[in-house]
Amino acid sequence: MTTRPTLQPDPPGAWTLRRVESPGLDWFRDLYRRVGEEWLWFSRLQMKDSELAAIIHSPLVEVHALVQDGRDEGLLELDFRAPGQCELAFFGVTAN
């Protein structure tokens, strides 16, 4: 590519990103499933509650929801547990 691509217009509706400080396990699994089902995400769905809670409730892990028209439609998980690094653990939006 030698030129910038043409920017696509924003999708309709208002989108916001909000940090979810202490995500509930049912909420997280529901959003994870809705976002990742088409991509065959399954690891977090099979975890025991204690395993999942240890990850998403860690002070070194950030969970964010992409909100459209008041509904959570995207997931962003950032993992800072490795010193000096940030891993983009999960990122995706629902098909809606």
Protein backbone atom coordinates (compact mmCIF):
# COMPACT_ATOMS: atom_id res chain seq x y z
CA MET A 1 0.00 0.00 0.00
CA THR A 2 1.31 3.37 -0.92
CA THR A 3 -1.70 5.47 0.08
CA ARG A 4 -4.00 5.53 3.06
CA PRO A 5 -7.18 3.50 2.66
CA THR A 6 -10.48 5.32 2.38
CA LEU A 7 -12.09 5.58 5.80
CA GLN A 8 -15.40 3.83 6.14
CA PRO A 9 -18.23 5.74 7.83
CA ASP A 10 -18.96 4.91 11.44
CA PRO A 11 -21.72 2.36 11.90
CA PRO A 12 -25.10 3.84 12.81
CA GLY A 13 -25.84 4.46 16.46
CA ALA A 14 -23.71 5.71 19.28
CA TRP A 15 -20.76 3.55 20.33
CA THR A 16 -18.90 3.94 23.61
CA LEU A 17 -16.20 1.97 25.37
CA ARG A 18 -16.58 1.44 29.10
CA ARG A 19 -14.34 -0.33 31.55
CA VAL A 20 -16.05 -3.06 33.55
CA GLU A 21 -14.27 -3.00 36.90
CA SER A 22 -15.56 -6.28 38.33
CA PRO A 23 -17.32 -8.21 35.58
CA GLY A 24 -19.86 -10.80 36.63
CA LEU A 25 -19.06 -14.29 35.39
CA ASP A 26 -22.45 -14.74 33.70
CA TRP A 27 -22.18 -11.33 32.02
CA PHE A 28 -18.65 -12.06 30.80
CA ARG A 29 -19.51 -15.52 29.47
CA ASP A 30 -22.61 -14.23 27.68
CA LEU A 31 -20.72 -11.43 25.93
CA TYR A 32 -17.73 -13.70 25.23
CA ARG A 33 -20.05 -16.26 23.63
CA ARG A 34 -21.97 -13.68 21.56
CA VAL A 35 -18.74 -12.11 20.31
CA GLY A 36 -16.69 -15.26 19.81
CA GLU A 37 -19.15 -17.95 18.81
CA GLU A 38 -18.64 -17.39 15.09
CA TRP A 39 -14.83 -17.49 15.63
CA LEU A 40 -14.98 -20.67 17.74
CA TRP A 41 -13.92 -19.00 20.98
CA PHE A 42 -14.46 -21.55 23.71
CA SER A 43 -11.65 -21.44 26.28
CA ARG A 44 -13.37 -19.10 28.72
CA LEU A 45 -16.68 -20.95 28.41
CA GLN A 46 -15.08 -24.18 29.67
CA MET A 47 -13.23 -22.67 32.64
CA LYS A 48 -14.34 -23.29 36.18
CA ASP A 49 -15.79 -20.21 37.85
CA SER A 50 -12.74 -19.88 40.10
CA GLU A 51 -10.31 -19.98 37.14
CA LEU A 52 -12.26 -17.39 35.14
CA ALA A 53 -12.70 -15.12 38.17
CA ALA A 54 -8.96 -15.27 38.93
CA ILE A 55 -8.26 -13.91 35.45
CA ILE A 56 -10.95 -11.30 34.87
CA HIS A 57 -10.91 -10.03 38.46
CA SER A 58 -7.13 -9.66 38.56
CA PRO A 59 -6.06 -6.04 39.12
CA LEU A 60 -3.64 -6.57 36.20
CA VAL A 61 -6.40 -7.47 33.72
CA GLU A 62 -8.76 -4.88 32.23
CA VAL A 63 -12.13 -5.82 30.75
CA HIS A 64 -13.95 -3.31 28.56
CA ALA A 65 -17.33 -3.46 26.85
CA LEU A 66 -18.16 -1.77 23.57
CA VAL A 67 -21.67 -0.42 24.04
CA GLN A 68 -24.09 0.37 21.24
CA ASP A 69 -27.46 1.88 22.03
CA GLY A 70 -27.21 0.76 25.65
CA ARG A 71 -26.30 -2.86 24.88
CA ASP A 72 -22.89 -4.50 25.31
CA GLU A 73 -21.87 -5.60 21.81
CA GLY A 74 -18.08 -5.83 22.00
CA LEU A 75 -15.38 -7.19 24.28
CA LEU A 76 -11.84 -5.96 24.89
CA GLU A 77 -9.59 -7.70 27.39
CA LEU A 78 -6.12 -6.37 28.14
CA ASP A 79 -3.70 -8.48 30.20
CA PHE A 80 -0.87 -6.67 32.02
CA ARG A 81 0.20 -9.65 34.16
CA ALA A 82 3.56 -10.07 32.37
CA PRO A 83 5.84 -7.26 33.62
CA GLY A 84 6.33 -4.52 31.05
CA GLN A 85 3.88 -6.03 28.58
CA CYS A 86 0.26 -5.66 27.54
CA GLU A 87 -1.36 -8.62 25.84
CA LEU A 88 -4.51 -8.07 23.82
CA ALA A 89 -6.18 -11.20 25.17
CA PHE A 90 -9.55 -10.82 23.43
CA PHE A 91 -11.08 -8.26 21.13
CA GLY A 92 -14.19 -8.56 19.04
CA VAL A 93 -17.70 -7.35 18.36
CA THR A 94 -20.94 -9.19 17.86
CA ALA A 95 -22.32 -9.77 14.39
CA ASN A 96 -25.23 -7.40 15.15
